[in-house]
Amino acid sequence: MSKNKIYKWNKKELKNFEKMILKKRDVVLSELEESKDRGNEVLNNNSVNAIYSSHMADASSDQQEMEKNYYMMDRGNSYLKYLNRALNMISEGTFGICKKCGNRINKERLLEVPHTTSCFECKTKTS
């Protein structure tokens, strides 16, 4: 191992990452709540509109809106799991350290993909 490798982020840096991840998590939770509310609204409108209209275009539009909401909720839930995994890595002491080479992962990469476990160099070697 070379002498110039830096293996861990310091506590202040980790605290800053944690704050950033918690902010992202708050945004995702808010978006999930909005998607859930929109989905419930479409469901409620479907049952009301079914009494008055049975036009295929209306039904198709409602179905498309429901599918979009479910997709956004699924996507948000997946991202929330990744953010929680990043928070767990911070508490375990493995956050921001490449599993393959042991180097610190670039800060810009961690800001975009906080749950990553590989640096850009190792990631591109295996891709």
Protein backbone atom coordinates (compact mmCIF):
# COMPACT_ATOMS: atom_id res chain seq x y z
CA MET A 1 0.00 0.00 0.00
CA SER A 2 1.29 3.45 -0.84
CA LYS A 3 1.98 6.07 1.82
CA ASN A 4 -0.19 8.77 0.24
CA LYS A 5 -3.46 6.85 0.46
CA ILE A 6 -6.08 8.43 2.68
CA TYR A 7 -8.35 5.77 4.07
CA LYS A 8 -11.04 7.58 6.03
CA TRP A 9 -12.98 10.80 6.03
CA ASN A 10 -12.65 12.88 9.19
CA LYS A 11 -15.55 13.38 11.60
CA LYS A 12 -16.37 16.88 10.35
CA GLU A 13 -16.50 15.70 6.72
CA LEU A 14 -18.67 12.72 7.69
CA LYS A 15 -21.02 15.01 9.61
CA ASN A 16 -21.36 17.21 6.50
CA PHE A 17 -22.15 14.15 4.36
CA GLU A 18 -24.68 13.01 6.95
CA LYS A 19 -26.42 16.41 6.88
CA MET A 20 -26.52 16.32 3.06
CA ILE A 21 -27.95 12.80 3.04
CA LEU A 22 -30.57 13.69 5.66
CA LYS A 23 -31.65 16.68 3.55
CA LYS A 24 -31.96 14.44 0.49
CA ARG A 25 -33.93 11.95 2.55
CA ASP A 26 -36.32 14.68 3.72
CA VAL A 27 -36.91 15.70 0.09
CA VAL A 28 -37.60 12.08 -0.92
CA LEU A 29 -40.01 11.58 1.99
CA SER A 30 -41.85 14.76 1.03
CA GLU A 31 -42.05 13.66 -2.62
CA LEU A 32 -43.32 10.24 -1.56
CA GLU A 33 -46.05 11.86 0.50
CA GLU A 34 -47.04 14.05 -2.46
CA SER A 35 -47.16 11.04 -4.80
CA LYS A 36 -49.26 9.13 -2.30
CA ASP A 37 -51.68 12.07 -1.99
CA ARG A 38 -51.93 12.39 -5.80
CA GLY A 39 -52.55 8.67 -6.12
CA ASN A 40 -55.28 8.79 -3.49
CA GLU A 41 -56.83 11.77 -5.23
CA VAL A 42 -56.91 9.94 -8.57
CA LEU A 43 -58.45 6.88 -6.89
CA ASN A 44 -61.10 9.01 -5.22
CA ASN A 45 -61.85 10.85 -8.46
CA ASN A 46 -62.08 7.53 -10.34
CA SER A 47 -64.81 6.25 -8.08
CA VAL A 48 -66.73 9.54 -8.30
CA ASN A 49 -66.28 9.87 -12.08
CA ALA A 50 -67.24 6.25 -12.70
CA ILE A 51 -70.79 7.16 -11.74
CA TYR A 52 -71.00 10.04 -14.23
CA SER A 53 -68.73 9.04 -17.07
CA SER A 54 -67.43 5.88 -18.61
CA HIS A 55 -65.50 7.44 -21.47
CA MET A 56 -62.46 5.35 -22.41
CA ALA A 57 -60.19 8.40 -22.77
CA ASP A 58 -60.94 9.50 -19.20
CA ALA A 59 -60.28 6.03 -17.85
CA SER A 60 -57.04 5.78 -19.81
CA SER A 61 -55.84 9.16 -18.57
CA ASP A 62 -56.63 8.22 -14.97
CA GLN A 63 -54.84 4.89 -15.38
CA GLN A 64 -51.78 6.62 -16.81
CA GLU A 65 -51.73 9.07 -13.90
CA MET A 66 -51.96 6.19 -11.40
CA GLU A 67 -49.11 4.32 -13.09
CA LYS A 68 -46.96 7.46 -13.03
CA ASN A 69 -47.63 7.92 -9.31
CA TYR A 70 -46.82 4.29 -8.54
CA TYR A 71 -43.61 4.54 -10.57
CA MET A 72 -42.55 7.69 -8.70
CA MET A 73 -43.35 6.07 -5.36
CA ASP A 74 -41.36 2.96 -6.23
CA ARG A 75 -38.45 5.04 -7.42
CA GLY A 76 -38.57 7.18 -4.28
CA ASN A 77 -38.69 4.14 -2.02
CA SER A 78 -35.65 2.64 -3.75
CA TYR A 79 -33.70 5.89 -3.40
CA LEU A 80 -34.73 6.14 0.24
CA LYS A 81 -33.23 2.68 0.86
CA TYR A 82 -29.97 3.82 -0.77
CA LEU A 83 -29.86 6.95 1.39
CA ASN A 84 -30.50 4.89 4.53
CA ARG A 85 -27.73 2.52 3.48
CA ALA A 86 -25.36 5.51 3.15
CA LEU A 87 -26.30 6.63 6.68
CA ASN A 88 -25.60 3.11 7.95
CA MET A 89 -22.20 3.17 6.24
CA ILE A 90 -21.39 6.42 8.04
CA SER A 91 -22.23 4.88 11.41
CA GLU A 92 -20.26 1.70 10.55
CA GLY A 93 -17.21 3.68 9.44
CA THR A 94 -17.25 2.39 5.86
CA PHE A 95 -18.75 5.46 4.15
CA GLY A 96 -16.75 6.92 1.29
CA ILE A 97 -14.14 4.19 1.20
CA CYS A 98 -13.75 2.08 -1.93
CA LYS A 99 -14.19 -1.62 -1.12
CA LYS A 100 -11.82 -2.62 -3.91
CA CYS A 101 -8.80 -0.33 -3.55
CA GLY A 102 -9.29 1.17 -0.08
CA ASN A 103 -8.99 4.77 -1.27
CA ARG A 104 -11.38 7.53 -0.37
CA ILE A 105 -14.12 7.95 -2.94
CA ASN A 106 -14.15 11.34 -4.65
CA LYS A 107 -16.34 13.88 -2.86
CA GLU A 108 -18.24 14.82 -6.04
CA ARG A 109 -19.11 11.17 -6.62
CA LEU A 110 -20.36 10.82 -3.04
CA LEU A 111 -22.51 13.93 -3.40
CA GLU A 112 -24.22 12.39 -6.44
CA VAL A 113 -24.24 8.73 -5.33
CA PRO A 114 -23.87 8.74 -1.53
CA HIS A 115 -24.45 4.98 -1.22
CA THR A 116 -21.62 4.01 -3.57
CA THR A 117 -18.99 1.57 -2.39
CA SER A 118 -16.51 2.03 -5.22
CA CYS A 119 -14.42 4.91 -6.52
CA PHE A 120 -14.82 6.02 -10.11
CA GLU A 121 -11.63 4.24 -11.23
CA CYS A 122 -12.65 0.88 -9.77
CA LYS A 123 -16.23 1.31 -11.02
CA THR A 124 -15.11 1.95 -14.59
CA LYS A 125 -12.74 -1.04 -14.50
CA THR A 126 -15.62 -3.42 -13.72
CA SER A 127 -18.22 -1.81 -15.98
